[in-house]
């Protein structure tokens, strides 16, 4: 069945109702720096935890760990 009177194309949005926004470049740069700093500090914290755990395990393996004085 063919119906030539039916227009199924989508209507375009009226651009007059939505004025364009100014780009916020400074905010995007700040977000990138915050993510990079978070990744760096997270990696540093994990490395310090691993270092401490390795030191404790080495002391336990050698039997030199003493509790108290």
Protein backbone atom coordinates (compact mmCIF):
# COMPACT_ATOMS: atom_id res chain seq x y z
CA UNK A 1 0.00 0.00 0.00
CA UNK A 2 1.41 3.34 -1.03
CA UNK A 3 0.42 6.65 0.55
CA UNK A 4 2.02 9.70 -1.07
CA UNK A 5 0.22 12.13 1.24
CA UNK A 6 2.04 10.86 4.33
CA UNK A 7 5.30 12.70 5.11
CA UNK A 8 7.42 10.54 7.44
CA UNK A 9 10.52 12.76 7.49
CA UNK A 10 11.63 14.11 10.88
CA UNK A 11 11.14 17.79 11.58
CA UNK A 12 14.25 19.84 12.22
CA UNK A 13 14.70 21.52 15.59
CA UNK A 14 14.25 25.24 15.63
CA UNK A 15 17.70 26.67 16.34
CA UNK A 16 16.24 30.01 17.46
CA UNK A 17 15.14 28.47 20.76
CA UNK A 18 18.61 27.10 21.57
CA UNK A 19 21.36 29.72 21.38
CA UNK A 20 24.88 28.25 21.00
CA UNK A 21 27.03 28.10 24.12
CA UNK A 22 30.57 29.38 24.36
CA UNK A 23 33.14 26.57 24.61
CA UNK A 24 34.52 25.99 28.11
CA UNK A 25 38.11 25.06 27.33
CA UNK A 26 39.44 25.93 30.79
CA UNK A 27 37.07 23.52 32.53
CA UNK A 28 38.04 20.63 30.26
CA UNK A 29 41.75 21.24 30.85
CA UNK A 30 41.16 21.27 34.59
CA UNK A 31 39.32 17.96 34.41
CA UNK A 32 42.15 16.37 32.45
CA UNK A 33 44.68 17.59 35.00
CA UNK A 34 42.57 16.34 37.91
CA UNK A 35 42.28 12.88 36.35
CA UNK A 36 46.02 12.75 35.63
CA UNK A 37 46.86 13.84 39.18
CA UNK A 38 44.46 11.25 40.61
CA UNK A 39 46.02 8.48 38.55
CA UNK A 40 49.52 9.54 39.61
CA UNK A 41 48.67 9.81 43.31
CA UNK A 42 46.76 6.53 43.22
CA UNK A 43 49.74 4.77 41.67
CA UNK A 44 52.06 6.31 44.25
CA UNK A 45 49.81 5.16 47.11
CA UNK A 46 49.64 1.63 45.72
CA UNK A 47 53.42 1.54 45.35
CA UNK A 48 53.90 2.61 48.98
CA UNK A 49 51.46 -0.06 50.20
CA UNK A 50 53.28 -2.68 48.15
CA UNK A 51 56.63 -1.52 49.53
CA UNK A 52 55.38 -1.79 53.11
CA UNK A 53 53.84 -5.23 52.52
CA UNK A 54 57.05 -6.46 50.92
CA UNK A 55 59.13 -5.20 53.85
CA UNK A 56 56.83 -6.93 56.37
CA UNK A 57 56.88 -10.18 54.41
CA UNK A 58 60.69 -10.07 54.17
CA UNK A 59 60.97 -9.60 57.93
CA UNK A 60 58.57 -12.50 58.52
CA UNK A 61 60.47 -14.71 56.09
CA UNK A 62 63.78 -14.00 57.83
CA UNK A 63 62.26 -14.32 61.27
CA UNK A 64 63.54 -10.96 62.44
CA UNK A 65 60.15 -9.44 63.24
CA UNK A 66 59.85 -8.61 66.92
CA UNK A 67 56.72 -7.53 68.73
CA UNK A 68 57.32 -5.21 71.66
CA UNK A 69 60.78 -4.03 72.78
